[in-house]
Amino acid sequence: MKYKGYVGTYTSKTSEGIYSFDFDGKIISNVKLFSKIDNPKYLAFKGDYIVAVADYDKGSGVSLFDKEGNELDRLVYEDVTSCYIEAKGDYLYTTNYHEGTFSVIKFENNKLSLVNKTLIKEKAGAHQVLFYKDNYLIPCLFLNKVIIIGEDYKIIGSIEFEEGSGPRHGVFSKDKRYLYVVGELSNKLYVVDMELLEVVNSINLLEDKLFVKDSSAIRISDDYKFIYVSTRTEDVISVVGVDNENVKLLQVFSSEGLHPRDFILEKGCLIIANRLSNNLVSISLKDGLMDKIESVVKLPEGIAIIMEEIKNE
């Protein structure tokens, strides 16, 4: 199988925007500039298109691209860049870390329009959108809460975390009974029982290192038995065994670079974007654990990755 990947970046030094790469299941190749744009901090697929949060000459917002890298539309609606974007149905959803907002954008006829912008709290550290039943869950790093937003885009509740936890990103168990949330500031993995709407378990992600922070991305395996979390200040990936509310740290493995901001899991392989060492790394897995470095290629300031299988070639 062949894959095409796309990497969002900070354009603070050598990066020029979004980059693309090829992947054959183990080896990364053919890295090239996909589209010039300032600070495309997060990406998502929307059907046959790619959407990215970005900065412009005046303001920030969302851009829509075709697979050739042509910008088809942009929507400028905020003062600083959002940090996350996700697509579902005819809508895009973004969160803004600095503004503390959750925004809803309509996608129709290759055009973008703002539907709603909910202020959670200024500088709340809103970091992700998770879809749960008919609601939206927003991990807010500086509130130590996951905010629950209803169908009408109003705040209807929250899930409380310990002081200084800094909930950043989460993934669900297969049946969505449990939500696993990485705490950026505590370097812990928290288990939330979604029936109780409370934290029922937690573990440290770096063995005996209790005072490190900056855990970042989280992914769960296709069989829902393993969770992977990156920690930027330690340049590692932690592997956690998962069985409902029971979680156990199994491995801490080098990211083969500096500052692993994001990574993805695809068919028995991790692909990691190391921002400060300007590289993209593929590491194969064996029985859920990180095993062998397959390839390392140059890519500037990578901080977000998406990838899809190339079909009908």
C-alpha atoms as a PDB file:
ATOM      1  CA  MET A   1       0.000   0.000   0.000  1.00  0.00           C
ATOM      2  CA  LYS A   2       1.071   3.555  -0.709  1.00  0.00           C
ATOM      3  CA  TYR A   3       0.241   6.664   1.280  1.00  0.00           C
ATOM      4  CA  LYS A   4       0.415  10.418   0.835  1.00  0.00           C
ATOM      5  CA  GLY A   5       1.076  12.519   3.898  1.00  0.00           C
ATOM      6  CA  TYR A   6       0.905  16.226   4.644  1.00  0.00           C
ATOM      7  CA  VAL A   7       2.711  18.140   7.384  1.00  0.00           C
ATOM      8  CA  GLY A   8       1.747  21.473   8.917  1.00  0.00           C
ATOM      9  CA  THR A   9       4.571  23.626  10.266  1.00  0.00           C
ATOM     10  CA  TYR A  10       5.619  26.749  12.063  1.00  0.00           C
ATOM     11  CA  THR A  11       7.082  29.096   9.464  1.00  0.00           C
ATOM     12  CA  SER A  12       9.405  30.829  11.912  1.00  0.00           C
ATOM     13  CA  LYS A  13      12.769  29.852  10.415  1.00  0.00           C
ATOM     14  CA  THR A  14      13.174  27.730   7.282  1.00  0.00           C
ATOM     15  CA  SER A  15       9.688  26.340   6.664  1.00  0.00           C
ATOM     16  CA  GLU A  16       7.548  27.844   3.895  1.00  0.00           C
ATOM     17  CA  GLY A  17       4.200  26.223   4.675  1.00  0.00           C
ATOM     18  CA  ILE A  18       2.611  22.790   4.201  1.00  0.00           C
ATOM     19  CA  TYR A  19       4.790  19.897   3.009  1.00  0.00           C
ATOM     20  CA  SER A  20       3.833  16.577   1.456  1.00  0.00           C
ATOM     21  CA  PHE A  21       5.565  13.192   1.527  1.00  0.00           C
ATOM     22  CA  ASP A  22       5.172   9.645   0.258  1.00  0.00           C
ATOM     23  CA  PHE A  23       5.082   6.574   2.491  1.00  0.00           C
ATOM     24  CA  ASP A  24       5.179   2.901   1.508  1.00  0.00           C
ATOM     25  CA  GLY A  25       4.358   1.431   4.903  1.00  0.00           C
ATOM     26  CA  LYS A  26       7.882   1.794   6.258  1.00  0.00           C
ATOM     27  CA  ILE A  27       9.933   4.347   4.318  1.00  0.00           C
ATOM     28  CA  ILE A  28       9.251   8.086   3.984  1.00  0.00           C
ATOM     29  CA  SER A  29      10.295   9.690   0.689  1.00  0.00           C
ATOM     30  CA  ASN A  30       9.698  12.539  -1.735  1.00  0.00           C
ATOM     31  CA  VAL A  31       9.312  15.359   0.787  1.00  0.00           C
ATOM     32  CA  LYS A  32       8.378  18.595  -0.979  1.00  0.00           C
ATOM     33  CA  LEU A  33       6.607  21.884  -0.450  1.00  0.00           C
ATOM     34  CA  PHE A  34       2.872  21.411  -1.004  1.00  0.00           C
ATOM     35  CA  SER A  35       1.657  24.986  -0.529  1.00  0.00           C
ATOM     36  CA  LYS A  36       3.168  28.235   0.728  1.00  0.00           C
ATOM     37  CA  ILE A  37       1.261  29.634   3.689  1.00  0.00           C
ATOM     38  CA  ASP A  38       2.152  31.119   7.084  1.00  0.00           C
ATOM     39  CA  ASN A  39       1.977  28.932  10.196  1.00  0.00           C
ATOM     40  CA  PRO A  40      -0.308  26.080   9.110  1.00  0.00           C
ATOM     41  CA  LYS A  41      -0.412  24.711  12.656  1.00  0.00           C
ATOM     42  CA  TYR A  42      -2.966  21.956  12.133  1.00  0.00           C
ATOM     43  CA  LEU A  43      -4.453  20.117   9.167  1.00  0.00           C
ATOM     44  CA  ALA A  44      -7.432  17.916   8.406  1.00  0.00           C
ATOM     45  CA  PHE A  45      -8.952  16.164   5.420  1.00  0.00           C
ATOM     46  CA  LYS A  46     -12.360  17.325   4.210  1.00  0.00           C
ATOM     47  CA  GLY A  47     -13.430  14.856   1.530  1.00  0.00           C
ATOM     48  CA  ASP A  48     -11.111  15.381  -1.432  1.00  0.00           C
ATOM     49  CA  TYR A  49      -9.706  18.557   0.092  1.00  0.00           C
ATOM     50  CA  ILE A  50      -7.310  19.644   2.822  1.00  0.00           C
ATOM     51  CA  VAL A  51      -8.091  22.341   5.366  1.00  0.00           C
ATOM     52  CA  ALA A  52      -5.542  24.161   7.505  1.00  0.00           C
ATOM     53  CA  VAL A  53      -5.548  26.819  10.190  1.00  0.00           C
ATOM     54  CA  ALA A  54      -3.118  29.578   9.215  1.00  0.00           C
ATOM     55  CA  ASP A  55      -2.004  33.213   9.500  1.00  0.00           C
ATOM     56  CA  TYR A  56      -2.518  35.894   6.864  1.00  0.00           C
ATOM     57  CA  ASP A  57      -1.439  39.502   6.317  1.00  0.00           C
ATOM     58  CA  LYS A  58      -4.439  40.640   8.338  1.00  0.00           C
ATOM     59  CA  GLY A  59      -5.711  38.138  10.869  1.00  0.00           C
ATOM     60  CA  SER A  60      -5.895  34.359  11.017  1.00  0.00           C
ATOM     61  CA  GLY A  61      -8.336  31.656  10.031  1.00  0.00           C
ATOM     62  CA  VAL A  62      -8.826  28.616   7.802  1.00  0.00           C
ATOM     63  CA  SER A  63      -7.722  27.821   4.247  1.00  0.00           C
ATOM     64  CA  LEU A  64      -9.110  25.222   1.853  1.00  0.00           C
ATOM     65  CA  PHE A  65      -6.785  23.422  -0.587  1.00  0.00           C
ATOM     66  CA  ASP A  66      -7.186  20.925  -3.386  1.00  0.00           C
ATOM     67  CA  LYS A  67      -4.759  17.990  -3.587  1.00  0.00           C
ATOM     68  CA  GLU A  68      -2.520  19.938  -5.977  1.00  0.00           C
ATOM     69  CA  GLY A  69      -1.844  22.543  -3.310  1.00  0.00           C
ATOM     70  CA  ASN A  70      -4.028  25.281  -4.778  1.00  0.00           C
ATOM     71  CA  GLU A  71      -5.800  27.450  -2.217  1.00  0.00           C
ATOM     72  CA  LEU A  72      -9.496  27.492  -3.149  1.00  0.00           C
ATOM     73  CA  ASP A  73     -10.862  29.657  -0.349  1.00  0.00           C
ATOM     74  CA  ARG A  74      -9.927  31.197   2.983  1.00  0.00           C
ATOM     75  CA  LEU A  75     -11.895  32.494   5.934  1.00  0.00           C
ATOM     76  CA  VAL A  76     -10.285  35.131   8.159  1.00  0.00           C
ATOM     77  CA  TYR A  77     -12.183  35.367  11.438  1.00  0.00           C
ATOM     78  CA  GLU A  78      -9.724  35.604  14.364  1.00  0.00           C
ATOM     79  CA  ASP A  79      -6.731  37.601  15.546  1.00  0.00           C
ATOM     80  CA  VAL A  80      -4.327  34.689  16.169  1.00  0.00           C
ATOM     81  CA  THR A  81      -4.136  31.197  14.725  1.00  0.00           C
ATOM     82  CA  SER A  82      -6.237  28.368  16.052  1.00  0.00           C
ATOM     83  CA  CYS A  83      -4.289  25.290  17.139  1.00  0.00           C
ATOM     84  CA  TYR A  84      -6.684  22.560  15.975  1.00  0.00           C
ATOM     85  CA  ILE A  85      -9.108  21.805  13.154  1.00  0.00           C
ATOM     86  CA  GLU A  86     -11.383  18.836  12.481  1.00  0.00           C
ATOM     87  CA  ALA A  87     -14.022  18.096   9.865  1.00  0.00           C
ATOM     88  CA  LYS A  88     -17.350  16.336  10.307  1.00  0.00           C
ATOM     89  CA  GLY A  89     -20.166  16.323   7.799  1.00  0.00           C
ATOM     90  CA  ASP A  90     -20.559  19.741   6.183  1.00  0.00           C
ATOM     91  CA  TYR A  91     -18.745  21.553   8.976  1.00  0.00           C
ATOM     92  CA  LEU A  92     -15.269  22.337  10.225  1.00  0.00           C
ATOM     93  CA  TYR A  93     -14.476  22.856  13.893  1.00  0.00           C
ATOM     94  CA  THR A  94     -11.533  24.775  15.338  1.00  0.00           C
ATOM     95  CA  THR A  95     -10.215  25.646  18.780  1.00  0.00           C
ATOM     96  CA  ASN A  96      -8.087  28.648  19.623  1.00  0.00           C
ATOM     97  CA  TYR A  97      -5.563  28.214  22.432  1.00  0.00           C
ATOM     98  CA  HIS A  98      -4.954  31.937  22.980  1.00  0.00           C
ATOM     99  CA  GLU A  99      -8.461  33.294  22.476  1.00  0.00           C
ATOM    100  CA  GLY A 100     -10.097  30.397  24.333  1.00  0.00           C
ATOM    101  CA  THR A 101     -12.702  29.899  21.629  1.00  0.00           C
ATOM    102  CA  PHE A 102     -14.483  27.090  19.782  1.00  0.00           C
ATOM    103  CA  SER A 103     -15.583  27.913  16.232  1.00  0.00           C
ATOM    104  CA  VAL A 104     -17.898  26.237  13.729  1.00  0.00           C
ATOM    105  CA  ILE A 105     -17.412  26.794   9.984  1.00  0.00           C
ATOM    106  CA  LYS A 106     -19.744  25.742   7.174  1.00  0.00           C
ATOM    107  CA  PHE A 107     -18.237  24.086   4.092  1.00  0.00           C
ATOM    108  CA  GLU A 108     -20.456  24.418   1.033  1.00  0.00           C
ATOM    109  CA  ASN A 109     -19.630  24.570  -2.692  1.00  0.00           C
ATOM    110  CA  ASN A 110     -15.922  24.935  -1.883  1.00  0.00           C
ATOM    111  CA  LYS A 111     -16.629  28.012   0.213  1.00  0.00           C
ATOM    112  CA  LEU A 112     -16.101  28.598   3.918  1.00  0.00           C
ATOM    113  CA  SER A 113     -18.394  30.649   6.160  1.00  0.00           C
ATOM    114  CA  LEU A 114     -18.412  31.212   9.918  1.00  0.00           C
ATOM    115  CA  VAL A 115     -21.458  29.744  11.673  1.00  0.00           C
ATOM    116  CA  ASN A 116     -20.625  30.281  15.330  1.00  0.00           C
ATOM    117  CA  LYS A 117     -17.805  31.277  17.664  1.00  0.00           C
ATOM    118  CA  THR A 118     -18.141  30.324  21.327  1.00  0.00           C
ATOM    119  CA  LEU A 119     -15.972  32.053  23.917  1.00  0.00           C
ATOM    120  CA  ILE A 120     -15.066  29.541  26.622  1.00  0.00           C
ATOM    121  CA  LYS A 121     -12.703  31.844  28.485  1.00  0.00           C
ATOM    122  CA  GLU A 122      -9.912  34.088  27.282  1.00  0.00           C
ATOM    123  CA  LYS A 123      -6.566  32.245  27.402  1.00  0.00           C
ATOM    124  CA  ALA A 124      -8.328  29.008  28.368  1.00  0.00           C
ATOM    125  CA  GLY A 125      -5.857  26.969  26.349  1.00  0.00           C
ATOM    126  CA  ALA A 126      -8.611  25.317  24.259  1.00  0.00           C
ATOM    127  CA  HIS A 127      -6.707  22.631  22.400  1.00  0.00           C
ATOM    128  CA  GLN A 128      -8.900  20.074  20.602  1.00  0.00           C
ATOM    129  CA  VAL A 129     -12.429  19.163  19.516  1.00  0.00           C
ATOM    130  CA  LEU A 130     -13.761  15.708  20.345  1.00  0.00           C
ATOM    131  CA  PHE A 131     -17.175  14.537  19.148  1.00  0.00           C
ATOM    132  CA  TYR A 132     -19.239  12.708  21.771  1.00  0.00           C
ATOM    133  CA  LYS A 133     -22.873  11.837  21.076  1.00  0.00           C
ATOM    134  CA  ASP A 134     -24.430  15.189  20.070  1.00  0.00           C
ATOM    135  CA  ASN A 135     -21.939  17.225  22.062  1.00  0.00           C
ATOM    136  CA  TYR A 136     -18.447  18.659  21.624  1.00  0.00           C
ATOM    137  CA  LEU A 137     -15.664  18.130  24.161  1.00  0.00           C
ATOM    138  CA  ILE A 138     -12.952  20.793  24.382  1.00  0.00           C
ATOM    139  CA  PRO A 139      -9.851  20.051  26.506  1.00  0.00           C
ATOM    140  CA  CYS A 140      -8.812  23.380  28.062  1.00  0.00           C
ATOM    141  CA  LEU A 141      -5.253  23.291  29.313  1.00  0.00           C
ATOM    142  CA  PHE A 142      -5.318  26.281  31.643  1.00  0.00           C
ATOM    143  CA  LEU A 143      -8.748  25.515  33.104  1.00  0.00           C
ATOM    144  CA  ASN A 144      -7.856  21.915  34.039  1.00  0.00           C
ATOM    145  CA  LYS A 145     -11.161  20.924  32.476  1.00  0.00           C
ATOM    146  CA  VAL A 146     -12.702  19.332  29.425  1.00  0.00           C
ATOM    147  CA  ILE A 147     -15.533  21.702  28.560  1.00  0.00           C
ATOM    148  CA  ILE A 148     -18.753  20.141  27.243  1.00  0.00           C
ATOM    149  CA  ILE A 149     -20.581  22.138  24.542  1.00  0.00           C
ATOM    150  CA  GLY A 150     -24.082  21.195  23.401  1.00  0.00           C
ATOM    151  CA  GLU A 151     -25.793  21.138  20.020  1.00  0.00           C
ATOM    152  CA  ASP A 152     -26.609  24.841  20.229  1.00  0.00           C
ATOM    153  CA  TYR A 153     -22.902  25.631  20.826  1.00  0.00           C
ATOM    154  CA  LYS A 154     -23.529  26.637  24.448  1.00  0.00           C
ATOM    155  CA  ILE A 155     -21.458  25.350  27.371  1.00  0.00           C
ATOM    156  CA  ILE A 156     -23.487  22.723  29.243  1.00  0.00           C
ATOM    157  CA  GLY A 157     -20.937  21.231  31.625  1.00  0.00           C
ATOM    158  CA  SER A 158     -17.366  20.125  32.210  1.00  0.00           C
ATOM    159  CA  ILE A 159     -15.131  17.270  33.326  1.00  0.00           C
ATOM    160  CA  GLU A 160     -12.794  18.272  36.137  1.00  0.00           C
ATOM    161  CA  PHE A 161      -9.092  17.351  36.287  1.00  0.00           C
ATOM    162  CA  GLU A 162      -6.557  17.817  39.058  1.00  0.00           C
ATOM    163  CA  GLU A 163      -4.897  21.204  39.485  1.00  0.00           C
ATOM    164  CA  GLY A 164      -1.877  21.605  37.216  1.00  0.00           C
ATOM    165  CA  SER A 165      -2.842  18.759  34.890  1.00  0.00           C
ATOM    166  CA  GLY A 166      -3.259  20.772  31.691  1.00  0.00           C
ATOM    167  CA  PRO A 167      -5.549  18.503  29.623  1.00  0.00           C
ATOM    168  CA  ARG A 168      -4.487  18.832  25.993  1.00  0.00           C
ATOM    169  CA  HIS A 169      -5.678  16.037  23.669  1.00  0.00           C
ATOM    170  CA  GLY A 170      -7.716  12.863  24.087  1.00  0.00           C
ATOM    171  CA  VAL A 171      -8.782   9.625  22.403  1.00  0.00           C
ATOM    172  CA  PHE A 172     -11.743   7.335  23.070  1.00  0.00           C
ATOM    173  CA  SER A 173     -12.001   3.630  23.772  1.00  0.00           C
ATOM    174  CA  LYS A 174     -13.741   1.642  21.034  1.00  0.00           C
ATOM    175  CA  ASP A 175     -17.163   1.882  22.711  1.00  0.00           C
ATOM    176  CA  LYS A 176     -16.536   5.486  23.849  1.00  0.00           C
ATOM    177  CA  ARG A 177     -17.099   4.469  27.469  1.00  0.00           C
ATOM    178  CA  TYR A 178     -13.651   5.809  28.345  1.00  0.00           C
ATOM    179  CA  LEU A 179     -11.809   8.941  27.274  1.00  0.00           C
ATOM    180  CA  TYR A 180      -8.030   8.919  27.631  1.00  0.00           C
ATOM    181  CA  VAL A 181      -6.592  12.422  28.051  1.00  0.00           C
ATOM    182  CA  VAL A 182      -2.958  13.506  28.088  1.00  0.00           C
ATOM    183  CA  GLY A 183      -2.064  16.178  30.629  1.00  0.00           C
ATOM    184  CA  GLU A 184       0.543  18.450  29.079  1.00  0.00           C
ATOM    185  CA  LEU A 185       1.588  20.018  32.376  1.00  0.00           C
ATOM    186  CA  SER A 186       1.471  16.928  34.608  1.00  0.00           C
ATOM    187  CA  ASN A 187       2.855  14.409  32.102  1.00  0.00           C
ATOM    188  CA  LYS A 188       0.080  12.024  33.055  1.00  0.00           C
ATOM    189  CA  LEU A 189      -2.455   9.982  31.139  1.00  0.00           C
ATOM    190  CA  TYR A 190      -5.941  10.338  32.640  1.00  0.00           C
ATOM    191  CA  VAL A 191      -8.826   7.893  32.218  1.00  0.00           C
ATOM    192  CA  VAL A 192     -12.279   9.488  32.194  1.00  0.00           C
ATOM    193  CA  ASP A 193     -15.387   7.350  32.684  1.00  0.00           C
ATOM    194  CA  MET A 194     -17.855   8.980  30.286  1.00  0.00           C
ATOM    195  CA  GLU A 195     -20.865   7.607  32.170  1.00  0.00           C
ATOM    196  CA  LEU A 196     -19.675   9.206  35.392  1.00  0.00           C
ATOM    197  CA  LEU A 197     -17.995  12.182  33.666  1.00  0.00           C
ATOM    198  CA  GLU A 198     -15.059  11.963  36.046  1.00  0.00           C
ATOM    199  CA  VAL A 199     -11.440  10.850  36.121  1.00  0.00           C
ATOM    200  CA  VAL A 200     -11.178   7.280  37.456  1.00  0.00           C
ATOM    201  CA  ASN A 201      -7.485   6.528  36.906  1.00  0.00           C
ATOM    202  CA  SER A 202      -4.175   8.130  35.914  1.00  0.00           C
ATOM    203  CA  ILE A 203      -0.543   7.132  35.384  1.00  0.00           C
ATOM    204  CA  ASN A 204       2.765   8.924  34.874  1.00  0.00           C
ATOM    205  CA  LEU A 205       4.042   8.795  31.309  1.00  0.00           C
ATOM    206  CA  LEU A 206       7.762   8.997  32.029  1.00  0.00           C
ATOM    207  CA  GLU A 207       8.427   6.318  34.632  1.00  0.00           C
ATOM    208  CA  ASP A 208      10.023   8.041  37.643  1.00  0.00           C
ATOM    209  CA  LYS A 209      10.314  11.513  36.077  1.00  0.00           C
ATOM    210  CA  LEU A 210       7.559  13.356  37.900  1.00  0.00           C
ATOM    211  CA  PHE A 211       8.415  16.992  37.222  1.00  0.00           C
ATOM    212  CA  VAL A 212       8.695  17.024  33.438  1.00  0.00           C
ATOM    213  CA  LYS A 213       6.001  18.711  31.350  1.00  0.00           C
ATOM    214  CA  ASP A 214       5.149  19.168  27.667  1.00  0.00           C
ATOM    215  CA  SER A 215       3.402  15.936  26.753  1.00  0.00           C
ATOM    216  CA  SER A 216       1.737  16.604  23.440  1.00  0.00           C
ATOM    217  CA  ALA A 217       0.097  14.285  20.898  1.00  0.00           C
ATOM    218  CA  ILE A 218      -1.876  11.128  21.698  1.00  0.00           C
ATOM    219  CA  ARG A 219      -2.962   8.261  19.426  1.00  0.00           C
ATOM    220  CA  ILE A 220      -4.629   4.897  19.994  1.00  0.00           C
ATOM    221  CA  SER A 221      -4.007   1.689  18.036  1.00  0.00           C
ATOM    222  CA  ASP A 222      -6.584   0.171  15.687  1.00  0.00           C
ATOM    223  CA  ASP A 223      -7.242  -2.636  18.178  1.00  0.00           C
ATOM    224  CA  TYR A 224      -7.593  -0.095  21.027  1.00  0.00           C
ATOM    225  CA  LYS A 225      -4.998  -1.936  23.139  1.00  0.00           C
ATOM    226  CA  PHE A 226      -2.169   0.600  22.992  1.00  0.00           C
ATOM    227  CA  ILE A 227      -1.926   4.357  23.470  1.00  0.00           C
ATOM    228  CA  TYR A 228       1.048   6.415  22.277  1.00  0.00           C
ATOM    229  CA  VAL A 229       1.965   9.851  23.696  1.00  0.00           C
ATOM    230  CA  SER A 230       4.795  12.210  22.734  1.00  0.00           C
ATOM    231  CA  THR A 231       6.708  14.358  25.232  1.00  0.00           C
ATOM    232  CA  ARG A 232       8.537  17.263  23.617  1.00  0.00           C
ATOM    233  CA  THR A 233      10.996  18.180  26.375  1.00  0.00           C
ATOM    234  CA  GLU A 234      12.232  14.587  26.678  1.00  0.00           C
ATOM    235  CA  ASP A 235      12.100  13.750  22.933  1.00  0.00           C
ATOM    236  CA  VAL A 236      10.308  10.454  23.533  1.00  0.00           C
ATOM    237  CA  ILE A 237       7.172   8.471  22.777  1.00  0.00           C
ATOM    238  CA  SER A 238       5.507   6.634  25.674  1.00  0.00           C
ATOM    239  CA  VAL A 239       3.578   3.425  24.958  1.00  0.00           C
ATOM    240  CA  VAL A 240       0.721   2.546  27.321  1.00  0.00           C
ATOM    241  CA  GLY A 241      -1.234  -0.705  27.483  1.00  0.00           C
ATOM    242  CA  VAL A 242      -4.993  -0.125  27.691  1.00  0.00           C
ATOM    243  CA  ASP A 243      -7.818  -2.293  29.022  1.00  0.00           C
ATOM    244  CA  ASN A 244     -10.862  -0.128  29.673  1.00  0.00           C
ATOM    245  CA  GLU A 245     -10.019   1.959  32.772  1.00  0.00           C
ATOM    246  CA  ASN A 246      -6.807   0.025  33.413  1.00  0.00           C
ATOM    247  CA  VAL A 247      -3.664   1.552  31.900  1.00  0.00           C
ATOM    248  CA  LYS A 248      -0.014   0.531  32.244  1.00  0.00           C
ATOM    249  CA  LEU A 249       3.179   2.188  30.988  1.00  0.00           C
ATOM    250  CA  LEU A 250       4.969  -0.345  28.775  1.00  0.00           C
ATOM    251  CA  GLN A 251       7.744   1.560  27.008  1.00  0.00           C
ATOM    252  CA  VAL A 252       9.469   4.930  26.625  1.00  0.00           C
ATOM    253  CA  PHE A 253      11.260   5.195  23.254  1.00  0.00           C
ATOM    254  CA  SER A 254      13.318   7.921  21.561  1.00  0.00           C
ATOM    255  CA  SER A 255      11.590   9.987  18.885  1.00  0.00           C
ATOM    256  CA  GLU A 256      14.936  10.146  17.006  1.00  0.00           C
ATOM    257  CA  GLY A 257      14.826  13.919  16.982  1.00  0.00           C
ATOM    258  CA  LEU A 258      14.106  17.019  19.027  1.00  0.00           C
ATOM    259  CA  HIS A 259      10.635  18.191  20.086  1.00  0.00           C
ATOM    260  CA  PRO A 260       8.183  15.543  18.795  1.00  0.00           C
ATOM    261  CA  ARG A 261       5.162  17.817  18.484  1.00  0.00           C
ATOM    262  CA  ASP A 262       2.942  15.410  16.537  1.00  0.00           C
ATOM    263  CA  PHE A 263       2.902  11.902  15.135  1.00  0.00           C
ATOM    264  CA  ILE A 264       0.500   9.512  13.466  1.00  0.00           C
ATOM    265  CA  LEU A 265      -0.036   5.766  13.648  1.00  0.00           C
ATOM    266  CA  GLU A 266      -0.499   3.889  10.385  1.00  0.00           C
ATOM    267  CA  LYS A 267      -0.507   0.118   9.771  1.00  0.00           C
ATOM    268  CA  GLY A 268       2.091  -0.859  12.329  1.00  0.00           C
ATOM    269  CA  CYS A 269       4.288   2.214  12.016  1.00  0.00           C
ATOM    270  CA  LEU A 270       4.654   5.572  13.739  1.00  0.00           C
ATOM    271  CA  ILE A 271       5.546   8.663  11.727  1.00  0.00           C
ATOM    272  CA  ILE A 272       6.887  11.442  13.963  1.00  0.00           C
ATOM    273  CA  ALA A 273       7.415  15.134  13.222  1.00  0.00           C
ATOM    274  CA  ASN A 274      10.351  16.428  15.270  1.00  0.00           C
ATOM    275  CA  ARG A 275      10.070  20.196  15.058  1.00  0.00           C
ATOM    276  CA  LEU A 276      13.427  21.406  16.416  1.00  0.00           C
ATOM    277  CA  SER A 277      15.602  18.842  14.606  1.00  0.00           C
ATOM    278  CA  ASN A 278      13.684  19.422  11.354  1.00  0.00           C
ATOM    279  CA  ASN A 279      13.068  15.777  10.595  1.00  0.00           C
ATOM    280  CA  LEU A 280      10.324  13.273   9.905  1.00  0.00           C
ATOM    281  CA  VAL A 281      10.900   9.756  11.256  1.00  0.00           C
ATOM    282  CA  SER A 282       9.207   6.393  10.669  1.00  0.00           C
ATOM    283  CA  ILE A 283       9.502   3.715  13.377  1.00  0.00           C
ATOM    284  CA  SER A 284       7.966   0.271  12.977  1.00  0.00           C
ATOM    285  CA  LEU A 285       6.025  -1.466  15.747  1.00  0.00           C
ATOM    286  CA  LYS A 286       6.177  -5.043  16.993  1.00  0.00           C
ATOM    287  CA  ASP A 287       3.374  -6.360  19.196  1.00  0.00           C
ATOM    288  CA  GLY A 288       2.336  -2.770  19.864  1.00  0.00           C
ATOM    289  CA  LEU A 289       5.781  -1.638  21.015  1.00  0.00           C
ATOM    290  CA  MET A 290       8.172   0.620  19.121  1.00  0.00           C
ATOM    291  CA  ASP A 291      10.783  -1.534  17.455  1.00  0.00           C
ATOM    292  CA  LYS A 292      12.916  -0.338  14.539  1.00  0.00           C
ATOM    293  CA  ILE A 293      13.831   2.998  12.968  1.00  0.00           C
ATOM    294  CA  GLU A 294      12.904   2.642   9.304  1.00  0.00           C
ATOM    295  CA  SER A 295      13.694   6.072   7.870  1.00  0.00           C
ATOM    296  CA  VAL A 296      14.670   9.629   8.787  1.00  0.00           C
ATOM    297  CA  VAL A 297      14.204  12.510   6.324  1.00  0.00           C
ATOM    298  CA  LYS A 298      14.587  16.267   6.495  1.00  0.00           C
ATOM    299  CA  LEU A 299      11.430  18.352   6.905  1.00  0.00           C
ATOM    300  CA  PRO A 300      11.439  21.843   8.475  1.00  0.00           C
ATOM    301  CA  GLU A 301       9.550  22.705  11.668  1.00  0.00           C
ATOM    302  CA  GLY A 302       6.893  19.993  11.430  1.00  0.00           C
ATOM    303  CA  ILE A 303       4.113  20.139  14.044  1.00  0.00           C
ATOM    304  CA  ALA A 304       1.024  18.414  12.553  1.00  0.00           C
ATOM    305  CA  ILE A 305       0.602  15.336  10.333  1.00  0.00           C
ATOM    306  CA  ILE A 306      -2.261  13.823   8.340  1.00  0.00           C
ATOM    307  CA  MET A 307      -2.027  10.911   5.916  1.00  0.00           C
ATOM    308  CA  GLU A 308      -4.251   8.917   3.576  1.00  0.00           C
ATOM    309  CA  GLU A 309      -3.965   5.761   1.527  1.00  0.00           C
ATOM    310  CA  ILE A 310      -3.497   6.253  -2.208  1.00  0.00           C
ATOM    311  CA  LYS A 311      -6.026   4.109  -4.072  1.00  0.00           C
ATOM    312  CA  ASN A 312      -6.609   3.138  -7.694  1.00  0.00           C
ATOM    313  CA  GLU A 313      -3.021   3.616  -8.860  1.00  0.00           C
END
